[in-house]
Protein backbone atom coordinates (compact mmCIF):
# COMPACT_ATOMS: atom_id res chain seq x y z
CA MET A 1 -13.46 -3.03 -6.26
CA HIS A 2 -13.55 0.70 -5.70
CA PRO A 3 -10.32 2.03 -4.11
CA ILE A 4 -12.34 3.89 -1.44
CA VAL A 5 -13.80 0.58 -0.22
CA LEU A 6 -10.35 -1.00 0.02
CA ALA A 7 -8.91 2.05 1.81
CA TRP A 8 -11.82 1.98 4.27
CA ALA A 9 -11.32 -1.74 4.94
CA LEU A 10 -7.57 -1.38 5.45
CA ALA A 11 -8.19 1.44 7.94
CA GLN A 12 -10.40 -0.76 10.14
CA PRO A 13 -8.95 -2.18 13.39
CA ALA A 14 -7.00 -5.43 13.05
CA GLY A 15 -9.12 -8.52 13.48
CA THR A 16 -12.36 -6.96 12.28
CA ARG A 17 -14.19 -8.64 9.42
CA ALA A 18 -13.37 -5.77 7.04
CA ALA A 19 -9.67 -5.86 7.92
CA VAL A 20 -9.48 -9.64 7.49
CA LEU A 21 -11.23 -9.46 4.10
CA ALA A 22 -8.94 -6.61 2.99
CA ALA A 23 -5.84 -8.53 4.02
CA ALA A 24 -7.01 -11.55 2.04
CA PHE A 25 -7.81 -9.39 -0.99
CA THR A 26 -4.45 -7.60 -0.99
CA GLY A 27 -2.68 -10.92 -0.39
CA GLY A 28 -4.43 -12.53 -3.34
CA THR A 29 -6.05 -15.32 -1.35
CA THR A 30 -9.71 -16.29 -1.41
CA ARG A 31 -9.83 -18.21 1.88
CA VAL A 32 -10.73 -16.16 4.97
CA THR A 33 -11.04 -17.25 8.60
CA PHE A 34 -12.98 -15.01 10.96
CA ASP A 35 -14.52 -15.85 14.36
CA GLY A 36 -13.56 -19.51 13.95
CA ARG A 37 -15.33 -19.83 10.58
CA THR A 38 -13.54 -20.31 7.28
CA VAL A 39 -15.06 -19.03 4.05
CA GLU A 40 -13.67 -19.85 0.62
CA TYR A 41 -14.65 -17.22 -1.95
CA ARG A 42 -14.82 -18.35 -5.60
CA SER A 43 -12.71 -15.42 -6.79
CA LEU A 44 -11.09 -12.18 -5.70
CA ASP A 45 -13.97 -10.42 -7.46
CA GLU A 46 -16.47 -12.16 -5.18
CA LEU A 47 -14.38 -11.27 -2.13
CA GLY A 48 -14.29 -7.65 -3.33
CA ARG A 49 -18.08 -7.63 -3.69
CA ALA A 50 -18.39 -8.94 -0.11
CA LEU A 51 -16.22 -6.05 1.05
CA SER A 52 -18.33 -3.57 -0.92
CA VAL A 53 -21.52 -4.90 0.68
CA LEU A 54 -19.96 -4.66 4.14
CA HIS A 55 -18.78 -1.10 3.42
CA ALA A 56 -22.26 -0.07 2.26
CA ALA A 57 -23.92 -1.60 5.32
CA GLU A 58 -21.49 0.06 7.74
CA ASN A 59 -21.75 3.48 6.12
CA THR A 60 -25.52 3.41 5.76
CA ALA A 61 -25.83 2.81 9.49
CA ALA A 62 -23.45 5.67 10.29
CA ARG A 63 -25.06 8.18 7.93
CA GLN A 64 -26.45 11.27 9.62
CA PRO A 65 -30.09 12.11 9.06
CA SER A 66 -30.78 15.00 6.73
CA VAL A 67 -32.12 18.29 8.07
CA THR A 68 -34.58 20.59 6.34
CA LEU A 69 -35.06 24.20 7.36
CA ALA A 70 -38.51 25.64 6.82
CA SER A 71 -38.91 29.40 6.68
CA PHE A 72 -42.18 31.30 6.97
CA SER A 73 -43.09 34.92 6.39
CA ARG A 74 -46.16 36.83 7.60
CA GLU A 75 -45.96 39.33 4.77
CA GLY A 76 -49.04 39.35 2.59
CA SER A 77 -51.23 37.29 4.92
CA ARG A 78 -53.87 39.57 6.53
């Protein structure tokens, strides 16, 4: 897992899905309980991929739209 993803997850408020997954990952466990549901990941790699997908989904939603500036000139148009 990319270190930026783990740092992002660890910075999330306690009890959030990202924080719970990060705690499990850093603790070396593959069983996670969140909102009364327990999920058993097959490996730490799979848990890391779940965190990466969550990170991508959260950051895509928060991304600012791009802005393009158009400039026009009246020179040469008569």
